[in-house]
Amino acid sequence: MKVIFLDIDGVLNSMQDNFSWTIETDIHFIRLKKIVDKTKAKIVLSSSWRIGNSSKDIVHKRLQQFGMDFIDVTPVFNRQHRGREIADWLSRHEVESFVILDDEEEMDELVDHLVKTDMNVGLQDSNVDEAVNLLS
């Protein structure tokens, strides 16, 4: 299985849309869909949006509008950062390849799988190309 670990803030929304709580900028979803379509990767939500049903529901609904959804969420560890949560998820699943779409860099040994987005503009075409290359 190929996996996309998906952050929301700085990836599917950005400073340009004031980090929209409704994740209203379609172009970021269109770009994510390109990655999914080209690689057949599954989405695992690694964002803080995975905490709480209302935020997960918003992500779920917006992804579905573009023919996508997430299959799982990473665990939430106290005082640990996203890289450790992703590593834990990976240790419990068989994964062929993976990419982390995130605007933060704290990924420890997983940094080679990070496609770092710019929080000012979110997911861009160059990020799409990089993610597809890492997953292929």
C-alpha atoms as a PDB file:
ATOM      1  CA  MET A   1       0.000   0.000   0.000  1.00  0.00           C
ATOM      2  CA  LYS A   2       1.135   3.536  -0.764  1.00  0.00           C
ATOM      3  CA  VAL A   3       0.267   6.156   1.837  1.00  0.00           C
ATOM      4  CA  ILE A   4      -0.027   9.932   1.978  1.00  0.00           C
ATOM      5  CA  PHE A   5       0.235  11.303   5.523  1.00  0.00           C
ATOM      6  CA  LEU A   6      -1.807  14.467   5.239  1.00  0.00           C
ATOM      7  CA  ASP A   7      -1.553  17.644   7.258  1.00  0.00           C
ATOM      8  CA  ILE A   8      -4.276  20.243   6.674  1.00  0.00           C
ATOM      9  CA  ASP A   9      -3.031  23.659   7.844  1.00  0.00           C
ATOM     10  CA  GLY A  10      -0.421  24.874   5.386  1.00  0.00           C
ATOM     11  CA  VAL A  11      -1.280  22.099   2.898  1.00  0.00           C
ATOM     12  CA  LEU A  12      -5.011  22.182   2.057  1.00  0.00           C
ATOM     13  CA  ASN A  13      -5.497  25.647   3.486  1.00  0.00           C
ATOM     14  CA  SER A  14      -2.972  28.439   3.825  1.00  0.00           C
ATOM     15  CA  MET A  15      -2.287  31.952   4.968  1.00  0.00           C
ATOM     16  CA  GLN A  16      -3.803  33.150   1.650  1.00  0.00           C
ATOM     17  CA  ASP A  17      -7.235  31.918   2.735  1.00  0.00           C
ATOM     18  CA  ASN A  18      -6.661  32.822   6.399  1.00  0.00           C
ATOM     19  CA  PHE A  19      -6.326  29.114   7.270  1.00  0.00           C
ATOM     20  CA  SER A  20      -9.979  28.608   6.457  1.00  0.00           C
ATOM     21  CA  TRP A  21     -11.827  26.460   8.972  1.00  0.00           C
ATOM     22  CA  THR A  22     -13.965  25.144   6.083  1.00  0.00           C
ATOM     23  CA  ILE A  23     -10.889  24.344   3.932  1.00  0.00           C
ATOM     24  CA  GLU A  24     -12.475  26.247   1.074  1.00  0.00           C
ATOM     25  CA  THR A  25      -9.651  26.521  -1.488  1.00  0.00           C
ATOM     26  CA  ASP A  26     -10.441  23.895  -4.155  1.00  0.00           C
ATOM     27  CA  ILE A  27      -7.104  24.043  -5.981  1.00  0.00           C
ATOM     28  CA  HIS A  28      -5.321  22.331  -3.088  1.00  0.00           C
ATOM     29  CA  PHE A  29      -7.788  19.422  -3.250  1.00  0.00           C
ATOM     30  CA  ILE A  30      -7.376  19.228  -7.024  1.00  0.00           C
ATOM     31  CA  ARG A  31      -3.631  18.947  -6.559  1.00  0.00           C
ATOM     32  CA  LEU A  32      -3.999  16.288  -3.850  1.00  0.00           C
ATOM     33  CA  LYS A  33      -6.336  14.348  -6.156  1.00  0.00           C
ATOM     34  CA  LYS A  34      -3.601  14.355  -8.832  1.00  0.00           C
ATOM     35  CA  ILE A  35      -1.256  12.629  -6.386  1.00  0.00           C
ATOM     36  CA  VAL A  36      -3.906  10.071  -5.423  1.00  0.00           C
ATOM     37  CA  ASP A  37      -4.882   9.371  -9.038  1.00  0.00           C
ATOM     38  CA  LYS A  38      -1.304   9.003 -10.279  1.00  0.00           C
ATOM     39  CA  THR A  39      -0.107   6.790  -7.422  1.00  0.00           C
ATOM     40  CA  LYS A  40      -3.255   5.078  -6.071  1.00  0.00           C
ATOM     41  CA  ALA A  41      -2.057   6.091  -2.600  1.00  0.00           C
ATOM     42  CA  LYS A  42      -4.333   6.006   0.433  1.00  0.00           C
ATOM     43  CA  ILE A  43      -4.669   9.031   2.716  1.00  0.00           C
ATOM     44  CA  VAL A  44      -3.940   8.858   6.444  1.00  0.00           C
ATOM     45  CA  LEU A  45      -4.796  12.013   8.363  1.00  0.00           C
ATOM     46  CA  SER A  46      -1.811  13.140  10.443  1.00  0.00           C
ATOM     47  CA  SER A  47      -3.023  16.696  11.027  1.00  0.00           C
ATOM     48  CA  SER A  48      -4.251  18.051  14.335  1.00  0.00           C
ATOM     49  CA  TRP A  49      -7.603  18.096  12.484  1.00  0.00           C
ATOM     50  CA  ARG A  50      -7.785  14.353  13.276  1.00  0.00           C
ATOM     51  CA  ILE A  51      -8.569  15.270  16.882  1.00  0.00           C
ATOM     52  CA  GLY A  52     -12.267  15.912  17.385  1.00  0.00           C
ATOM     53  CA  ASN A  53     -15.195  14.715  15.344  1.00  0.00           C
ATOM     54  CA  SER A  54     -16.237  18.087  13.914  1.00  0.00           C
ATOM     55  CA  SER A  55     -12.853  18.802  12.335  1.00  0.00           C
ATOM     56  CA  LYS A  56     -12.544  15.229  11.023  1.00  0.00           C
ATOM     57  CA  ASP A  57     -16.037  15.545   9.552  1.00  0.00           C
ATOM     58  CA  ILE A  58     -15.069  18.731   7.707  1.00  0.00           C
ATOM     59  CA  VAL A  59     -11.995  17.035   6.214  1.00  0.00           C
ATOM     60  CA  HIS A  60     -14.028  13.932   5.341  1.00  0.00           C
ATOM     61  CA  LYS A  61     -16.734  15.971   3.545  1.00  0.00           C
ATOM     62  CA  ARG A  62     -14.269  18.107   1.607  1.00  0.00           C
ATOM     63  CA  LEU A  63     -12.200  15.097   0.507  1.00  0.00           C
ATOM     64  CA  GLN A  64     -15.360  13.306  -0.618  1.00  0.00           C
ATOM     65  CA  GLN A  65     -16.299  16.278  -2.787  1.00  0.00           C
ATOM     66  CA  PHE A  66     -13.189  15.418  -4.816  1.00  0.00           C
ATOM     67  CA  GLY A  67     -13.643  11.647  -4.780  1.00  0.00           C
ATOM     68  CA  MET A  68     -11.210  10.997  -1.926  1.00  0.00           C
ATOM     69  CA  ASP A  69     -11.301  10.086   1.737  1.00  0.00           C
ATOM     70  CA  PHE A  70      -8.883   9.123   4.484  1.00  0.00           C
ATOM     71  CA  ILE A  71      -8.565   5.505   5.575  1.00  0.00           C
ATOM     72  CA  ASP A  72      -7.170   6.140   9.039  1.00  0.00           C
ATOM     73  CA  VAL A  73      -5.615   8.676  11.386  1.00  0.00           C
ATOM     74  CA  THR A  74      -2.273   8.592  13.138  1.00  0.00           C
ATOM     75  CA  PRO A  75      -2.218   8.107  16.902  1.00  0.00           C
ATOM     76  CA  VAL A  76      -2.071  11.112  19.197  1.00  0.00           C
ATOM     77  CA  PHE A  77       0.847  11.056  21.618  1.00  0.00           C
ATOM     78  CA  ASN A  78       1.272  13.588  24.403  1.00  0.00           C
ATOM     79  CA  ARG A  79       4.465  15.641  24.109  1.00  0.00           C
ATOM     80  CA  GLN A  80       5.520  13.926  20.928  1.00  0.00           C
ATOM     81  CA  HIS A  81       5.536  15.382  17.494  1.00  0.00           C
ATOM     82  CA  ARG A  82       4.030  14.279  14.212  1.00  0.00           C
ATOM     83  CA  GLY A  83       7.066  12.335  12.999  1.00  0.00           C
ATOM     84  CA  ARG A  84       6.859   9.950  15.949  1.00  0.00           C
ATOM     85  CA  GLU A  85       3.119   9.499  15.480  1.00  0.00           C
ATOM     86  CA  ILE A  86       3.645   8.669  11.795  1.00  0.00           C
ATOM     87  CA  ALA A  87       6.489   6.268  12.660  1.00  0.00           C
ATOM     88  CA  ASP A  88       4.205   4.478  15.109  1.00  0.00           C
ATOM     89  CA  TRP A  89       1.473   4.141  12.472  1.00  0.00           C
ATOM     90  CA  LEU A  90       4.017   2.794   9.966  1.00  0.00           C
ATOM     91  CA  SER A  91       5.257   0.202  12.484  1.00  0.00           C
ATOM     92  CA  ARG A  92       1.768  -1.321  12.596  1.00  0.00           C
ATOM     93  CA  HIS A  93       0.995  -1.393   8.850  1.00  0.00           C
ATOM     94  CA  GLU A  94       2.518  -2.834   5.693  1.00  0.00           C
ATOM     95  CA  VAL A  95       3.488   0.099   3.505  1.00  0.00           C
ATOM     96  CA  GLU A  96       5.204  -0.047   0.126  1.00  0.00           C
ATOM     97  CA  SER A  97       5.984   3.667   0.004  1.00  0.00           C
ATOM     98  CA  PHE A  98       4.795   6.830   1.699  1.00  0.00           C
ATOM     99  CA  VAL A  99       4.975  10.580   1.614  1.00  0.00           C
ATOM    100  CA  ILE A 100       4.298  13.176   4.283  1.00  0.00           C
ATOM    101  CA  LEU A 101       2.578  16.360   3.083  1.00  0.00           C
ATOM    102  CA  ASP A 102       3.226  18.917   5.790  1.00  0.00           C
ATOM    103  CA  ASP A 103       4.367  22.502   6.323  1.00  0.00           C
ATOM    104  CA  GLU A 104       6.432  21.530   9.385  1.00  0.00           C
ATOM    105  CA  GLU A 105       9.799  19.807   9.398  1.00  0.00           C
ATOM    106  CA  GLU A 106       9.915  17.883  12.680  1.00  0.00           C
ATOM    107  CA  MET A 107       9.937  14.399  11.149  1.00  0.00           C
ATOM    108  CA  ASP A 108      13.199  12.932  12.544  1.00  0.00           C
ATOM    109  CA  GLU A 109      14.223   9.864  10.529  1.00  0.00           C
ATOM    110  CA  LEU A 110      11.236  10.292   8.192  1.00  0.00           C
ATOM    111  CA  VAL A 111      12.430  13.621   6.783  1.00  0.00           C
ATOM    112  CA  ASP A 112      13.411  11.981   3.469  1.00  0.00           C
ATOM    113  CA  HIS A 113       9.712  11.284   2.896  1.00  0.00           C
ATOM    114  CA  LEU A 114       8.616  14.848   3.642  1.00  0.00           C
ATOM    115  CA  VAL A 115       7.209  17.103   0.962  1.00  0.00           C
ATOM    116  CA  LYS A 116       7.343  20.406   2.765  1.00  0.00           C
ATOM    117  CA  THR A 117       4.675  22.859   1.692  1.00  0.00           C
ATOM    118  CA  ASP A 118       4.737  26.607   2.177  1.00  0.00           C
ATOM    119  CA  MET A 119       2.177  27.638   4.796  1.00  0.00           C
ATOM    120  CA  ASN A 120       1.636  30.890   2.886  1.00  0.00           C
ATOM    121  CA  VAL A 121       0.301  29.180  -0.255  1.00  0.00           C
ATOM    122  CA  GLY A 122      -0.379  25.501   0.577  1.00  0.00           C
ATOM    123  CA  LEU A 123       0.062  22.535  -1.765  1.00  0.00           C
ATOM    124  CA  GLN A 124       1.583  23.567  -5.094  1.00  0.00           C
ATOM    125  CA  ASP A 125       2.204  21.796  -8.427  1.00  0.00           C
ATOM    126  CA  SER A 126       5.893  21.363  -7.587  1.00  0.00           C
ATOM    127  CA  ASN A 127       4.847  19.586  -4.358  1.00  0.00           C
ATOM    128  CA  VAL A 128       2.602  17.293  -6.413  1.00  0.00           C
ATOM    129  CA  ASP A 129       5.511  16.295  -8.649  1.00  0.00           C
ATOM    130  CA  GLU A 130       7.770  15.666  -5.660  1.00  0.00           C
ATOM    131  CA  ALA A 131       5.127  13.561  -3.894  1.00  0.00           C
ATOM    132  CA  VAL A 132       4.436  11.453  -6.983  1.00  0.00           C
ATOM    133  CA  ASN A 133       8.178  10.821  -7.385  1.00  0.00           C
ATOM    134  CA  LEU A 134       8.527   9.726  -3.748  1.00  0.00           C
ATOM    135  CA  LEU A 135       5.543   7.387  -4.011  1.00  0.00           C
ATOM    136  CA  SER A 136       6.565   5.846  -7.346  1.00  0.00           C
END
